[in-house]
PDB file of N, CA and C in Angstrom:
ATOM      1  N   MET A   1       2.998  -3.520 -10.308  1.00  0.00           N
ATOM      2  CA  MET A   1       2.131  -3.627  -9.362  1.00  0.00           C
ATOM      3  C   MET A   1       1.762  -2.233  -8.896  1.00  0.00           C
ATOM      4  N   TYR A   2       2.007  -1.227  -9.512  1.00  0.00           N
ATOM      5  CA  TYR A   2       1.686   0.067  -9.248  1.00  0.00           C
ATOM      6  C   TYR A   2       0.289   0.336  -9.163  1.00  0.00           C
ATOM      7  N   ASP A   3      -0.438   0.738  -8.314  1.00  0.00           N
ATOM      8  CA  ASP A   3      -1.682   0.989  -8.184  1.00  0.00           C
ATOM      9  C   ASP A   3      -1.857   2.289  -7.337  1.00  0.00           C
ATOM     10  N   GLY A   4      -3.057   2.726  -7.138  1.00  0.00           N
ATOM     11  CA  GLY A   4      -3.540   4.029  -6.269  1.00  0.00           C
ATOM     12  C   GLY A   4      -2.825   4.036  -4.782  1.00  0.00           C
ATOM     13  N   GLN A   5      -2.665   2.869  -4.405  1.00  0.00           N
ATOM     14  CA  GLN A   5      -1.877   2.776  -3.124  1.00  0.00           C
ATOM     15  C   GLN A   5      -0.584   2.858  -2.730  1.00  0.00           C
ATOM     16  N   TRP A   6       0.385   2.742  -4.055  1.00  0.00           N
ATOM     17  CA  TRP A   6       1.540   3.125  -3.802  1.00  0.00           C
ATOM     18  C   TRP A   6       2.021   4.474  -4.149  1.00  0.00           C
ATOM     19  N   ARG A   7       2.905   5.061  -3.403  1.00  0.00           N
ATOM     20  CA  ARG A   7       3.540   6.392  -3.818  1.00  0.00           C
ATOM     21  C   ARG A   7       4.921   6.372  -3.715  1.00  0.00           C
ATOM     22  N   ASP A   8       5.535   7.084  -4.516  1.00  0.00           N
ATOM     23  CA  ASP A   8       7.321   7.242  -4.611  1.00  0.00           C
ATOM     24  C   ASP A   8       7.430   8.307  -3.794  1.00  0.00           C
ATOM     25  N   TRP A   9       8.741   8.443  -3.453  1.00  0.00           N
ATOM     26  CA  TRP A   9       9.398   9.586  -2.793  1.00  0.00           C
ATOM     27  C   TRP A   9      11.006   9.329  -3.363  1.00  0.00           C
ATOM     28  N   HIS A  10      11.434  10.668  -3.537  1.00  0.00           N
ATOM     29  CA  HIS A  10      13.042  10.712  -3.968  1.00  0.00           C
ATOM     30  C   HIS A  10      13.569  11.530  -3.099  1.00  0.00           C
ATOM     31  N   PRO A  11      14.433  10.747  -2.279  1.00  0.00           N
ATOM     32  CA  PRO A  11      15.185  11.364  -1.103  1.00  0.00           C
ATOM     33  C   PRO A  11      16.270  12.197  -1.802  1.00  0.00           C
ATOM     34  N   TYR A  12      16.595  13.235  -0.921  1.00  0.00           N
ATOM     35  CA  TYR A  12      17.850  13.976  -1.269  1.00  0.00           C
ATOM     36  C   TYR A  12      19.090  13.002  -1.130  1.00  0.00           C
ATOM     37  N   VAL A  13      19.999  13.159  -1.876  1.00  0.00           N
ATOM     38  CA  VAL A  13      21.186  12.406  -2.393  1.00  0.00           C
ATOM     39  C   VAL A  13      22.427  13.484  -2.225  1.00  0.00           C
ATOM     40  N   GLY A  14      22.994  13.296  -0.914  1.00  0.00           N
ATOM     41  CA  GLY A  14      24.221  14.238  -0.692  1.00  0.00           C
ATOM     42  C   GLY A  14      25.529  13.968  -1.284  1.00  0.00           C
ATOM     43  N   GLN A  15      26.416  14.844  -1.543  1.00  0.00           N
ATOM     44  CA  GLN A  15      27.786  14.523  -2.183  1.00  0.00           C
ATOM     45  C   GLN A  15      28.704  13.505  -1.095  1.00  0.00           C
ATOM     46  N   CYS A  16      28.376  13.735  -0.028  1.00  0.00           N
ATOM     47  CA  CYS A  16      29.512  12.964   1.034  1.00  0.00           C
ATOM     48  C   CYS A  16      28.790  11.761   1.613  1.00  0.00           C
ATOM     49  N   ASP A  17      27.799  11.308   1.041  1.00  0.00           N
ATOM     50  CA  ASP A  17      27.054  10.159   1.454  1.00  0.00           C
ATOM     51  C   ASP A  17      27.705   8.806   1.231  1.00  0.00           C
ATOM     52  N   PRO A  18      28.087   8.194   2.259  1.00  0.00           N
ATOM     53  CA  PRO A  18      29.244   6.970   2.033  1.00  0.00           C
ATOM     54  C   PRO A  18      28.596   5.736   1.358  1.00  0.00           C
ATOM     55  N   CYS A  19      26.983   5.729   1.395  1.00  0.00           N
ATOM     56  CA  CYS A  19      26.458   4.358   0.749  1.00  0.00           C
ATOM     57  C   CYS A  19      25.998   4.762  -0.665  1.00  0.00           C
ATOM     58  N   PRO A  20      25.849   3.805  -1.443  1.00  0.00           N
ATOM     59  CA  PRO A  20      25.223   4.353  -3.050  1.00  0.00           C
ATOM     60  C   PRO A  20      24.048   4.725  -2.587  1.00  0.00           C
ATOM     61  N   PRO A  21      23.465   5.872  -3.509  1.00  0.00           N
ATOM     62  CA  PRO A  21      22.210   6.435  -3.364  1.00  0.00           C
ATOM     63  C   PRO A  21      21.041   5.451  -3.786  1.00  0.00           C
ATOM     64  N   ILE A  22      20.167   5.481  -3.101  1.00  0.00           N
ATOM     65  CA  ILE A  22      18.745   4.974  -3.501  1.00  0.00           C
ATOM     66  C   ILE A  22      17.906   6.307  -4.097  1.00  0.00           C
ATOM     67  N   LYS A  23      17.708   6.427  -5.107  1.00  0.00           N
ATOM     68  CA  LYS A  23      17.174   7.452  -5.897  1.00  0.00           C
ATOM     69  C   LYS A  23      15.688   7.435  -5.561  1.00  0.00           C
ATOM     70  N   THR A  24      15.041   6.289  -5.849  1.00  0.00           N
ATOM     71  CA  THR A  24      13.619   6.294  -5.487  1.00  0.00           C
ATOM     72  C   THR A  24      13.161   5.293  -4.509  1.00  0.00           C
ATOM     73  N   LYS A  25      12.468   5.691  -3.479  1.00  0.00           N
ATOM     74  CA  LYS A  25      11.637   4.649  -2.695  1.00  0.00           C
ATOM     75  C   LYS A  25      10.275   4.891  -2.592  1.00  0.00           C
ATOM     76  N   TRP A  26       9.923   3.601  -2.333  1.00  0.00           N
ATOM     77  CA  TRP A  26       8.364   3.236  -2.596  1.00  0.00           C
ATOM     78  C   TRP A  26       7.613   2.922  -1.228  1.00  0.00           C
ATOM     79  N   TYR A  27       6.369   3.362  -1.028  1.00  0.00           N
ATOM     80  CA  TYR A  27       5.811   3.151   0.265  1.00  0.00           C
ATOM     81  C   TYR A  27       4.180   2.947  -0.045  1.00  0.00           C
ATOM     82  N   VAL A  28       3.560   2.327   0.759  1.00  0.00           N
ATOM     83  CA  VAL A  28       2.146   1.942   0.537  1.00  0.00           C
ATOM     84  C   VAL A  28       1.241   2.837   1.669  1.00  0.00           C
ATOM     85  N   VAL A  29       0.231   3.711   0.997  1.00  0.00           N
ATOM     86  CA  VAL A  29      -0.746   4.306   1.822  1.00  0.00           C
ATOM     87  C   VAL A  29      -1.709   3.596   2.053  1.00  0.00           C
ATOM     88  N   PRO A  30      -1.935   3.506   3.101  1.00  0.00           N
ATOM     89  CA  PRO A  30      -3.274   2.152   3.468  1.00  0.00           C
ATOM     90  C   PRO A  30      -4.709   2.975   3.043  1.00  0.00           C
ATOM     91  N   PRO A  31      -5.642   2.226   2.598  1.00  0.00           N
ATOM     92  CA  PRO A  31      -7.121   2.609   2.189  1.00  0.00           C
ATOM     93  C   PRO A  31      -7.709   3.599   3.206  1.00  0.00           C
ATOM     94  N   ASN A  32      -7.502   2.902   4.619  1.00  0.00           N
ATOM     95  CA  ASN A  32      -8.397   3.514   5.689  1.00  0.00           C
ATOM     96  C   ASN A  32      -7.893   5.151   5.864  1.00  0.00           C
ATOM     97  N   GLN A  33      -6.812   5.517   5.245  1.00  0.00           N
ATOM     98  CA  GLN A  33      -6.439   6.881   5.342  1.00  0.00           C
ATOM     99  C   GLN A  33      -7.420   8.071   4.677  1.00  0.00           C
ATOM    100  N   PHE A  34      -8.140   7.337   3.784  1.00  0.00           N
ATOM    101  CA  PHE A  34      -8.915   8.063   2.568  1.00  0.00           C
ATOM    102  C   PHE A  34     -10.433   8.019   3.103  1.00  0.00           C
ATOM    103  N   ILE A  35     -10.851   7.212   4.089  1.00  0.00           N
ATOM    104  CA  ILE A  35     -12.171   7.009   4.631  1.00  0.00           C
ATOM    105  C   ILE A  35     -12.081   7.514   5.940  1.00  0.00           C
ATOM    106  N   PRO A  36     -12.756   8.609   6.100  1.00  0.00           N
ATOM    107  CA  PRO A  36     -12.726   9.176   7.648  1.00  0.00           C
ATOM    108  C   PRO A  36     -13.847   8.637   8.393  1.00  0.00           C
ATOM    109  N   PHE A  37     -14.829   7.937   7.940  1.00  0.00           N
ATOM    110  CA  PHE A  37     -15.536   7.151   8.949  1.00  0.00           C
ATOM    111  C   PHE A  37     -16.391   6.014   7.795  1.00  0.00           C
ATOM    112  N   GLN A  38     -16.955   5.029   8.411  1.00  0.00           N
ATOM    113  CA  GLN A  38     -17.674   3.908   7.900  1.00  0.00           C
ATOM    114  C   GLN A  38     -18.744   4.345   7.395  1.00  0.00           C
ATOM    115  N   PRO A  39     -19.076   4.314   5.941  1.00  0.00           N
ATOM    116  CA  PRO A  39     -20.391   4.610   5.294  1.00  0.00           C
ATOM    117  C   PRO A  39     -21.160   3.275   5.504  1.00  0.00           C
ATOM    118  N   MET A  40     -22.439   3.637   5.763  1.00  0.00           N
ATOM    119  CA  MET A  40     -23.570   2.199   5.619  1.00  0.00           C
ATOM    120  C   MET A  40     -23.437   1.752   4.385  1.00  0.00           C
ATOM    121  N   ASN A  41     -23.752   0.249   4.430  1.00  0.00           N
ATOM    122  CA  ASN A  41     -24.189  -0.406   3.374  1.00  0.00           C
ATOM    123  C   ASN A  41     -22.820  -0.539   2.542  1.00  0.00           C
ATOM    124  N   LEU A  42     -21.742  -0.403   3.061  1.00  0.00           N
ATOM    125  CA  LEU A  42     -20.592  -0.836   2.345  1.00  0.00           C
ATOM    126  C   LEU A  42     -20.739  -2.168   1.831  1.00  0.00           C
ATOM    127  N   PRO A  43     -20.169  -2.842   0.418  1.00  0.00           N
ATOM    128  CA  PRO A  43     -20.275  -4.070  -0.157  1.00  0.00           C
ATOM    129  C   PRO A  43     -19.128  -4.717   0.753  1.00  0.00           C
ATOM    130  N   GLN A  44     -19.531  -6.374   0.982  1.00  0.00           N
ATOM    131  CA  GLN A  44     -18.773  -6.987   1.799  1.00  0.00           C
ATOM    132  C   GLN A  44     -18.388  -8.135   1.005  1.00  0.00           C
ATOM    133  N   PHE A  45     -17.068  -8.654   1.796  1.00  0.00           N
ATOM    134  CA  PHE A  45     -16.530  -9.948   1.032  1.00  0.00           C
ATOM    135  C   PHE A  45     -17.307 -11.112   1.623  1.00  0.00           C
ATOM    136  N   PRO A  46     -17.335 -12.166   1.070  1.00  0.00           N
ATOM    137  CA  PRO A  46     -17.846 -13.444   1.573  1.00  0.00           C
ATOM    138  C   PRO A  46     -16.985 -13.645   2.624  1.00  0.00           C
ATOM    139  N   LEU A  47     -17.651 -14.455   3.978  1.00  0.00           N
ATOM    140  CA  LEU A  47     -16.864 -14.709   4.920  1.00  0.00           C
ATOM    141  C   LEU A  47     -15.432 -15.677   4.707  1.00  0.00           C
ATOM    142  N   ASP A  48     -15.335 -16.438   4.160  1.00  0.00           N
ATOM    143  CA  ASP A  48     -14.272 -17.005   3.923  1.00  0.00           C
ATOM    144  C   ASP A  48     -13.153 -16.310   3.061  1.00  0.00           C
ATOM    145  N   GLU A  49     -13.588 -15.569   2.075  1.00  0.00           N
ATOM    146  CA  GLU A  49     -12.636 -14.759   1.457  1.00  0.00           C
ATOM    147  C   GLU A  49     -12.036 -13.260   2.423  1.00  0.00           C
ATOM    148  N   ALA A  50     -13.391 -13.077   3.396  1.00  0.00           N
ATOM    149  CA  ALA A  50     -12.615 -11.917   4.256  1.00  0.00           C
ATOM    150  C   ALA A  50     -11.533 -12.536   5.096  1.00  0.00           C
ATOM    151  N   LEU A  51     -11.779 -13.712   5.402  1.00  0.00           N
ATOM    152  CA  LEU A  51     -10.888 -14.190   6.597  1.00  0.00           C
ATOM    153  C   LEU A  51      -9.416 -14.471   5.754  1.00  0.00           C
ATOM    154  N   ARG A  52      -9.291 -14.687   4.593  1.00  0.00           N
ATOM    155  CA  ARG A  52      -7.938 -14.685   3.869  1.00  0.00           C
ATOM    156  C   ARG A  52      -7.515 -13.277   3.413  1.00  0.00           C
ATOM    157  N   LYS A  53      -8.285 -12.513   3.356  1.00  0.00           N
ATOM    158  CA  LYS A  53      -7.683 -11.090   3.012  1.00  0.00           C
ATOM    159  C   LYS A  53      -7.516 -10.139   4.167  1.00  0.00           C
ATOM    160  N   GLY A  54      -8.135 -10.565   5.188  1.00  0.00           N
ATOM    161  CA  GLY A  54      -7.891  -9.743   6.701  1.00  0.00           C
ATOM    162  C   GLY A  54      -8.830  -8.917   6.823  1.00  0.00           C
ATOM    163  N   THR A  55      -9.823  -8.616   5.955  1.00  0.00           N
ATOM    164  CA  THR A  55     -10.974  -7.248   6.239  1.00  0.00           C
ATOM    165  C   THR A  55     -12.008  -7.833   5.778  1.00  0.00           C
ATOM    166  N   LEU A  56     -13.234  -7.430   6.040  1.00  0.00           N
ATOM    167  CA  LEU A  56     -14.501  -7.598   5.517  1.00  0.00           C
ATOM    168  C   LEU A  56     -15.098  -7.129   4.334  1.00  0.00           C
ATOM    169  N   TRP A  57     -14.462  -5.572   4.309  1.00  0.00           N
ATOM    170  CA  TRP A  57     -14.810  -4.884   3.312  1.00  0.00           C
ATOM    171  C   TRP A  57     -13.750  -4.521   2.198  1.00  0.00           C
ATOM    172  N   PRO A  58     -14.148  -4.637   0.831  1.00  0.00           N
ATOM    173  CA  PRO A  58     -13.195  -4.419  -0.207  1.00  0.00           C
ATOM    174  C   PRO A  58     -12.573  -3.011  -0.216  1.00  0.00           C
ATOM    175  N   ALA A  59     -13.364  -2.077   0.043  1.00  0.00           N
ATOM    176  CA  ALA A  59     -12.895  -0.675   0.306  1.00  0.00           C
ATOM    177  C   ALA A  59     -11.724  -0.639   1.092  1.00  0.00           C
ATOM    178  N   LEU A  60     -11.507  -1.431   2.116  1.00  0.00           N
ATOM    179  CA  LEU A  60     -10.405  -1.323   2.798  1.00  0.00           C
ATOM    180  C   LEU A  60      -9.241  -2.447   2.828  1.00  0.00           C
ATOM    181  N   TYR A  61      -9.590  -3.221   1.792  1.00  0.00           N
ATOM    182  CA  TYR A  61      -8.318  -4.309   1.467  1.00  0.00           C
ATOM    183  C   TYR A  61      -7.101  -3.286   0.680  1.00  0.00           C
ATOM    184  N   SER A  62      -5.960  -3.891   1.428  1.00  0.00           N
ATOM    185  CA  SER A  62      -4.810  -3.496   0.796  1.00  0.00           C
ATOM    186  C   SER A  62      -3.686  -4.798   0.905  1.00  0.00           C
ATOM    187  N   PRO A  63      -3.235  -5.244  -0.445  1.00  0.00           N
ATOM    188  CA  PRO A  63      -2.573  -6.424  -0.318  1.00  0.00           C
ATOM    189  C   PRO A  63      -1.176  -6.179   0.355  1.00  0.00           C
ATOM    190  N   TYR A  64      -0.481  -7.176   0.972  1.00  0.00           N
ATOM    191  CA  TYR A  64       0.761  -7.003   1.186  1.00  0.00           C
ATOM    192  C   TYR A  64       1.861  -7.476   0.335  1.00  0.00           C
ATOM    193  N   PRO A  65       2.582  -6.544  -0.269  1.00  0.00           N
ATOM    194  CA  PRO A  65       3.361  -6.807  -1.114  1.00  0.00           C
ATOM    195  C   PRO A  65       4.516  -7.607  -0.901  1.00  0.00           C
ATOM    196  N   SER A  66       5.172  -8.674  -1.695  1.00  0.00           N
ATOM    197  CA  SER A  66       6.063  -9.414  -1.291  1.00  0.00           C
ATOM    198  C   SER A  66       7.522  -8.673  -1.614  1.00  0.00           C
ATOM    199  N   ARG A  67       8.625  -8.745  -0.945  1.00  0.00           N
ATOM    200  CA  ARG A  67       9.720  -7.992  -0.965  1.00  0.00           C
ATOM    201  C   ARG A  67      10.320  -8.276  -2.234  1.00  0.00           C
ATOM    202  N   ARG A  68      10.340  -9.756  -2.466  1.00  0.00           N
ATOM    203  CA  ARG A  68      10.864 -10.633  -3.832  1.00  0.00           C
ATOM    204  C   ARG A  68      10.435 -10.158  -5.421  1.00  0.00           C
ATOM    205  N   THR A  69       9.459  -9.686  -5.184  1.00  0.00           N
ATOM    206  CA  THR A  69       8.688  -9.138  -6.708  1.00  0.00           C
ATOM    207  C   THR A  69       9.183  -7.812  -6.887  1.00  0.00           C
ATOM    208  N   LYS A  70       9.388  -7.725  -8.150  1.00  0.00           N
ATOM    209  CA  LYS A  70       9.683  -6.152  -8.725  1.00  0.00           C
ATOM    210  C   LYS A  70       8.615  -5.303  -8.983  1.00  0.00           C
ATOM    211  N   LYS A  71       8.615  -4.135  -8.138  1.00  0.00           N
ATOM    212  CA  LYS A  71       7.474  -3.240  -8.768  1.00  0.00           C
ATOM    213  C   LYS A  71       7.955  -2.385 -10.079  1.00  0.00           C
ATOM    214  N   ALA A  72       6.837  -2.205 -10.711  1.00  0.00           N
ATOM    215  CA  ALA A  72       6.836  -1.768 -12.177  1.00  0.00           C
ATOM    216  C   ALA A  72       6.854  -0.291 -12.207  1.00  0.00           C
TER     217      ALA A  72
END
Protein backbone atom coordinates (compact mmCIF):
# COMPACT_ATOMS: atom_id res chain seq x y z
CA MET A 1 0.00 0.00 0.00
CA TYR A 2 2.97 2.32 -0.43
CA ASP A 3 2.09 5.40 -2.48
CA GLY A 4 3.13 9.04 -2.63
CA GLN A 5 1.52 9.90 0.70
CA TRP A 6 3.56 7.40 2.76
CA ARG A 7 6.97 8.34 4.11
CA ASP A 8 9.44 6.31 6.10
CA TRP A 9 11.72 7.40 8.89
CA HIS A 10 14.72 5.58 10.36
CA PRO A 11 15.08 6.63 14.00
CA TYR A 12 18.34 6.49 15.89
CA VAL A 13 18.88 3.18 17.70
CA GLY A 14 21.01 3.58 20.79
CA GLN A 15 23.17 0.86 22.38
CA CYS A 16 21.50 1.15 25.78
CA ASP A 17 17.86 1.15 24.64
CA PRO A 18 15.90 -1.25 26.86
CA CYS A 19 13.32 -2.15 24.17
CA PRO A 20 13.85 -3.94 20.86
CA PRO A 21 14.51 -1.31 18.19
CA ILE A 22 11.99 -0.31 15.55
CA LYS A 23 14.26 0.26 12.58
CA THR A 24 11.69 1.85 10.23
CA LYS A 25 8.67 3.92 11.18
CA TRP A 26 5.96 4.90 8.67
CA TYR A 27 3.72 7.95 8.59
CA VAL A 28 1.25 9.53 6.17
CA VAL A 29 1.64 13.05 4.83
CA PRO A 30 -1.85 14.46 4.18
CA PRO A 31 -2.42 15.79 0.66
CA ASN A 32 -3.48 19.23 1.91
CA GLN A 33 0.19 19.87 2.81
CA PHE A 34 0.99 20.11 -0.91
CA ILE A 35 -1.93 22.33 -1.99
CA PRO A 36 -1.40 25.84 -0.53
CA PHE A 37 -4.71 27.18 -1.88
CA GLN A 38 -7.81 25.68 -3.47
CA PRO A 39 -7.62 26.11 -7.25
CA MET A 40 -10.78 26.78 -9.22
CA ASN A 41 -12.62 23.98 -11.06
CA LEU A 42 -11.13 21.03 -9.19
CA PRO A 43 -12.80 17.74 -10.14
CA GLN A 44 -15.35 16.54 -7.57
CA PHE A 45 -16.60 13.20 -6.33
CA PRO A 46 -20.32 12.47 -6.72
CA LEU A 47 -22.15 13.45 -3.53
CA ASP A 48 -22.74 9.91 -2.19
CA GLU A 49 -19.09 8.94 -2.79
CA ALA A 50 -17.90 12.22 -1.22
CA LEU A 51 -19.84 11.40 1.93
CA ARG A 52 -18.19 7.97 2.13
CA LYS A 53 -14.68 9.31 1.51
CA GLY A 54 -14.99 12.40 3.70
CA THR A 55 -14.04 14.98 1.07
CA LEU A 56 -15.56 16.44 -2.05
CA TRP A 57 -12.30 16.69 -3.99
CA PRO A 58 -10.21 13.67 -5.10
CA ALA A 59 -7.04 15.76 -4.80
CA LEU A 60 -7.61 16.00 -1.03
CA TYR A 61 -8.54 12.35 -0.46
CA SER A 62 -6.28 10.29 1.76
CA PRO A 63 -7.46 6.81 2.83
CA TYR A 64 -7.18 5.81 6.46
CA PRO A 65 -4.94 2.75 6.60
CA SER A 66 -5.91 -0.16 8.80
CA ARG A 67 -3.38 -1.11 11.45
CA ARG A 68 -4.16 -4.77 10.79
CA THR A 69 -2.83 -4.77 7.24
CA LYS A 70 0.87 -4.92 6.45
CA LYS A 71 2.53 -2.20 4.40
CA ALA A 72 4.73 -3.32 1.55
